[in-house]
Protein backbone atom coordinates (compact mmCIF):
# COMPACT_ATOMS: atom_id res chain seq x y z
CA MET A 1 69.10 140.29 59.31
CA ALA A 2 71.19 143.18 61.19
CA ASN A 3 69.62 140.98 64.74
CA ASP A 4 70.47 137.43 63.47
CA ALA A 5 74.41 138.44 64.12
CA PRO A 6 74.09 139.83 68.01
CA GLN A 7 71.91 136.27 68.13
CA LYS A 8 74.77 134.28 66.53
CA SER A 9 77.89 136.07 68.28
CA LEU A 10 75.82 134.99 72.01
CA TRP A 11 75.17 131.55 70.61
CA ASP A 12 78.66 131.41 69.71
CA ARG A 13 79.21 131.99 72.86
CA VAL A 14 77.00 129.65 74.58
CA THR A 15 78.33 126.70 72.18
CA ALA A 16 81.58 128.17 73.26
CA ILE A 17 80.93 127.54 77.18
CA ALA A 18 79.64 124.18 76.27
CA THR A 19 82.52 123.05 74.91
CA ILE A 20 84.65 123.43 77.43
CA LEU A 21 82.35 122.74 80.37
CA ILE A 22 80.77 119.30 78.88
CA PRO A 23 84.35 117.79 78.51
CA ALA A 24 84.93 119.19 82.53
CA ALA A 25 81.31 118.09 83.65
CA ILE A 26 82.07 114.70 82.11
CA ALA A 27 85.81 114.88 83.63
CA LEU A 28 83.67 115.47 87.05
CA ALA A 29 81.10 113.12 87.16
CA GLY A 30 83.43 110.97 86.31
CA HIS A 31 85.78 111.32 88.97
CA LEU A 32 83.25 110.99 91.60
CA ILE A 33 81.96 108.12 90.00
CA ALA A 34 85.53 106.18 90.51
CA GLN A 35 85.74 108.37 94.14
CA GLY A 36 82.38 106.53 95.09
CA LEU A 37 83.85 103.29 93.74
CA LYS A 38 86.92 103.29 95.49
CA GLU A 39 84.98 104.62 98.74
CA ALA A 40 82.73 101.52 98.29
CA GLU A 41 85.82 99.36 97.64
CA LEU A 42 87.29 100.54 101.14
CA ALA A 43 83.75 100.23 103.08
CA SER A 44 83.60 96.77 101.60
CA GLU A 45 87.46 95.77 102.49
CA GLU A 46 86.43 97.16 105.95
CA ARG A 47 84.18 95.00 106.46
CA ARG A 48 85.43 92.00 105.35
CA ALA A 49 88.73 93.01 108.02
CA GLU A 50 86.01 93.06 110.59
CA GLN A 51 84.59 90.07 109.73
CA SER A 52 88.24 88.28 109.66
CA ARG A 53 88.98 89.88 112.64
CA ALA A 54 85.41 88.93 113.95
CA LEU A 55 86.19 85.17 112.30
CA MET A 56 90.06 84.80 114.00
CA ASP A 57 88.59 86.06 117.64
CA ALA A 58 86.58 83.68 118.11
CA ASN A 59 88.25 80.69 116.26
CA THR A 60 91.40 82.04 119.35
CA LYS A 61 88.17 81.62 121.86
CA ILE A 62 87.09 78.50 120.65
CA ALA A 63 90.47 77.29 120.67
CA GLN A 64 91.09 78.79 124.64
CA GLY A 65 88.37 76.80 125.19
CA ASN A 66 89.47 72.93 123.61
CA LEU A 67 92.80 74.15 125.42
CA ILE A 68 91.12 74.80 128.83
CA ASN A 69 88.66 71.38 128.57
CA THR A 70 92.73 69.60 127.92
CA LEU A 71 94.33 71.57 130.98
CA MET A 72 91.34 71.13 133.07
CA LYS A 73 91.55 67.45 133.03
CA SER A 74 95.18 67.45 133.42
CA LEU A 75 94.67 69.77 136.71
CA THR A 76 92.37 67.37 138.42
CA SER A 77 94.82 64.29 137.68
CA ASP A 78 94.84 61.90 140.61
CA LYS A 79 98.63 61.96 139.93
CA PRO A 80 100.67 65.11 141.80
CA HIS A 81 103.37 65.18 139.18
CA VAL A 82 100.63 65.51 136.02
CA ARG A 83 98.33 68.65 138.18
CA ARG A 84 102.19 70.46 138.65
CA LEU A 85 103.05 70.37 134.92
CA ALA A 86 99.91 71.37 134.12
CA VAL A 87 100.03 74.31 136.58
CA GLN A 88 103.12 75.67 134.53
CA ALA A 89 101.31 74.90 131.29
CA VAL A 90 98.06 76.89 132.57
CA LEU A 91 100.00 80.10 133.16
CA ILE A 92 101.84 80.21 129.73
CA ALA A 93 99.39 79.10 127.71
CA LEU A 94 96.15 81.10 129.14
CA PRO A 95 97.28 84.82 130.16
CA ASP A 96 94.17 85.59 131.36
CA GLN A 97 93.03 82.21 132.76
CA GLY A 98 95.98 80.81 133.42
CA PRO A 99 96.64 82.69 136.84
CA VAL A 100 93.51 82.24 138.03
CA LEU A 101 93.51 78.51 138.11
CA ALA A 102 97.36 78.13 139.24
CA ARG A 103 95.85 80.16 142.38
CA THR A 104 93.48 78.07 142.94
CA ILE A 105 95.25 74.71 143.00
CA ALA A 106 98.32 76.71 145.25
CA GLN A 107 95.79 77.02 147.53
CA SER A 108 93.08 74.06 147.56
CA ASP A 109 95.60 71.26 145.62
CA GLU A 110 95.51 67.87 147.88
CA SER A 111 98.63 67.62 148.03
CA ASN A 112 101.15 70.17 150.18
CA GLU A 113 103.66 69.83 147.38
CA VAL A 114 101.50 70.50 144.86
CA GLN A 115 100.52 73.81 146.20
CA ALA A 116 103.69 74.59 147.00
CA SER A 117 104.63 73.75 143.37
CA ALA A 118 102.23 75.56 142.16
CA ARG A 119 102.90 78.86 144.08
CA GLN A 120 106.65 78.65 142.86
CA SER A 121 105.34 78.63 139.40
CA ILE A 122 103.62 81.88 140.35
CA ALA A 123 106.38 83.33 141.30
CA GLN A 124 108.36 82.41 138.46
CA ARG A 125 106.19 83.44 136.08
CA VAL A 126 105.68 86.98 137.26
CA ASP A 127 109.82 87.47 137.60
CA THR A 128 109.55 86.36 134.12
CA LEU A 129 107.05 88.65 132.72
CA ILE A 130 108.81 91.03 134.89
CA ARG A 131 111.66 91.05 133.18
CA ASP A 132 110.40 91.12 129.94
CA LEU A 133 108.69 94.75 131.06
CA PHE A 134 111.91 96.01 131.17
CA ALA A 135 113.05 94.17 128.72
CA PRO A 136 115.07 95.79 125.24
CA GLN A 137 112.71 94.94 122.75
CA ALA A 138 109.91 97.18 122.44
CA SER A 139 107.84 94.00 121.63
CA ALA A 140 108.32 91.86 124.50
CA ARG A 141 107.82 94.84 126.28
CA VAL A 142 104.38 95.28 125.32
CA ARG A 143 103.67 91.60 125.71
CA ALA A 144 104.51 91.07 128.93
CA ALA A 145 102.47 94.91 130.29
CA GLN A 146 99.40 93.23 128.24
CA GLU A 147 99.47 90.09 130.39
CA LEU A 148 100.39 91.60 133.73
CA VAL A 149 97.67 94.13 132.77
CA SER A 150 94.67 91.30 131.97
CA GLY A 151 95.90 88.20 134.28
CA TRP A 152 97.57 90.11 137.13
CA ARG A 153 95.91 93.05 137.69
CA GLY A 154 94.63 91.71 140.44
CA ASP A 155 97.91 90.35 142.75
CA ALA A 156 98.92 92.23 145.07
CA ALA A 157 102.14 89.73 145.24
CA ALA A 158 102.68 91.30 141.37
CA ALA A 159 102.30 94.91 142.31
CA GLY A 160 104.85 94.79 144.77
CA ALA A 161 107.24 92.89 142.54
CA ILE A 162 107.04 95.31 139.70
CA VAL A 163 107.69 98.13 141.95
CA GLN A 164 110.61 96.58 143.73
CA TYR A 165 112.21 95.77 139.97
CA ALA A 166 110.99 99.38 139.01
CA ARG A 167 113.56 100.33 141.25
CA HIS A 168 116.42 99.97 139.28
CA PRO A 169 117.95 102.99 137.58
CA GLY A 170 118.76 103.57 134.20
CA ASN A 171 115.95 101.97 131.99
CA GLU A 172 113.53 104.49 131.24
CA ASN A 173 111.47 102.31 129.22
CA GLY A 174 110.88 99.96 131.97
CA ILE A 175 110.21 101.84 134.34
CA PHE A 176 107.64 103.81 131.75
CA ASN A 177 105.93 100.74 131.35
CA ALA A 178 106.55 100.08 135.47
CA ILE A 179 103.58 103.29 135.76
CA VAL A 180 101.62 102.24 132.64
CA VAL A 181 101.06 98.43 134.12
CA LEU A 182 100.36 99.91 138.17
CA SER A 183 98.42 102.87 137.07
CA ASP A 184 96.05 99.54 135.60
CA PHE A 185 96.20 97.55 138.27
CA SER A 186 93.16 97.33 140.85
CA ALA A 187 92.82 98.82 143.84
CA GLU A 188 92.77 96.45 146.07
CA ALA A 189 96.37 95.14 144.63
CA LEU A 190 97.86 98.27 144.58
CA ALA A 191 97.00 99.73 148.18
CA PRO A 192 99.34 97.39 150.45
CA HIS A 193 101.80 99.04 148.03
CA LYS A 194 100.68 102.69 148.31
CA PRO A 195 103.92 104.46 149.86
CA ALA A 196 105.78 102.76 148.08
CA ILE A 197 104.22 103.49 144.77
CA ARG A 198 103.75 106.66 145.25
CA GLU A 199 107.33 106.68 146.37
CA LEU A 200 108.55 105.55 143.04
CA ALA A 201 105.96 107.04 140.73
CA GLU A 202 107.47 110.60 141.92
CA ALA A 203 110.58 109.62 141.21
CA ALA A 204 109.83 108.57 137.33
CA ARG A 205 108.83 112.37 137.51
CA LYS A 206 111.92 113.62 135.63
CA LEU A 207 112.07 111.30 133.21
CA GLY A 208 109.87 112.95 130.79
CA SER A 209 106.42 113.89 129.86
CA ARG A 210 105.14 110.67 128.36
CA THR A 211 106.03 109.52 131.90
CA GLU A 212 105.15 112.50 133.65
CA ALA A 213 101.48 112.06 132.09
CA ARG A 214 101.13 108.02 133.48
CA VAL A 215 101.93 109.19 136.49
CA GLN A 216 99.37 111.83 136.62
CA VAL A 217 96.97 108.89 136.13
CA LEU A 218 98.52 106.43 138.70
CA LEU A 219 99.02 109.09 141.56
CA ARG A 220 95.33 109.26 140.80
CA ARG A 221 94.23 105.73 141.00
CA LEU A 222 96.44 105.59 144.86
CA ASP A 223 94.42 109.10 145.68
CA ALA A 224 91.05 107.16 145.16
CA ILE A 225 92.33 104.12 147.68
CA PRO A 226 90.93 104.51 150.71
CA SER A 227 94.14 104.91 153.15
């Protein structure tokens, strides 16, 4: 009986510890299960979001394809005034492909009048985008920057127009956007304006570290272009 007391005391301690640990273990297990379910739910939501984005992209491409088909009929119409209007439409409705189609009409349409109208529409669209690049609203600046890069990055005339407009002082956001856009333009578009672009970039250094970083990118692009 004397030996039973220590054993009983040990058993009491084990029981007491178990009484504490078992609920804690159950709580931990519950937490881990809940966490696992939450992570699985988040992963499922991410997959659904990715599927939704993929579906939206596919629908956008289908819609653009249908729009291109419709506008191509107008661009190849036997009526000059229809072709002129179609050029204006593609520049707005098709930011990526529109400039290419418009330049084709400007260079090869059978009507000199339509060619001249297409060149004017191109110049007006570029001017509108550049003005939006310097707009007070951030959303307008972002849209303009995206469209200039996606549709006009190979256009030397657009690059030159951006440089000219960016010389306007007092619009730091606009100058920053101009530097960003120019740094994403093709070497062929930048080459004719290298001295002017370099001058703009050097002047933009004083606008702060954010602009300085993009200036460095632009200057590296310029240095890689053969003189």
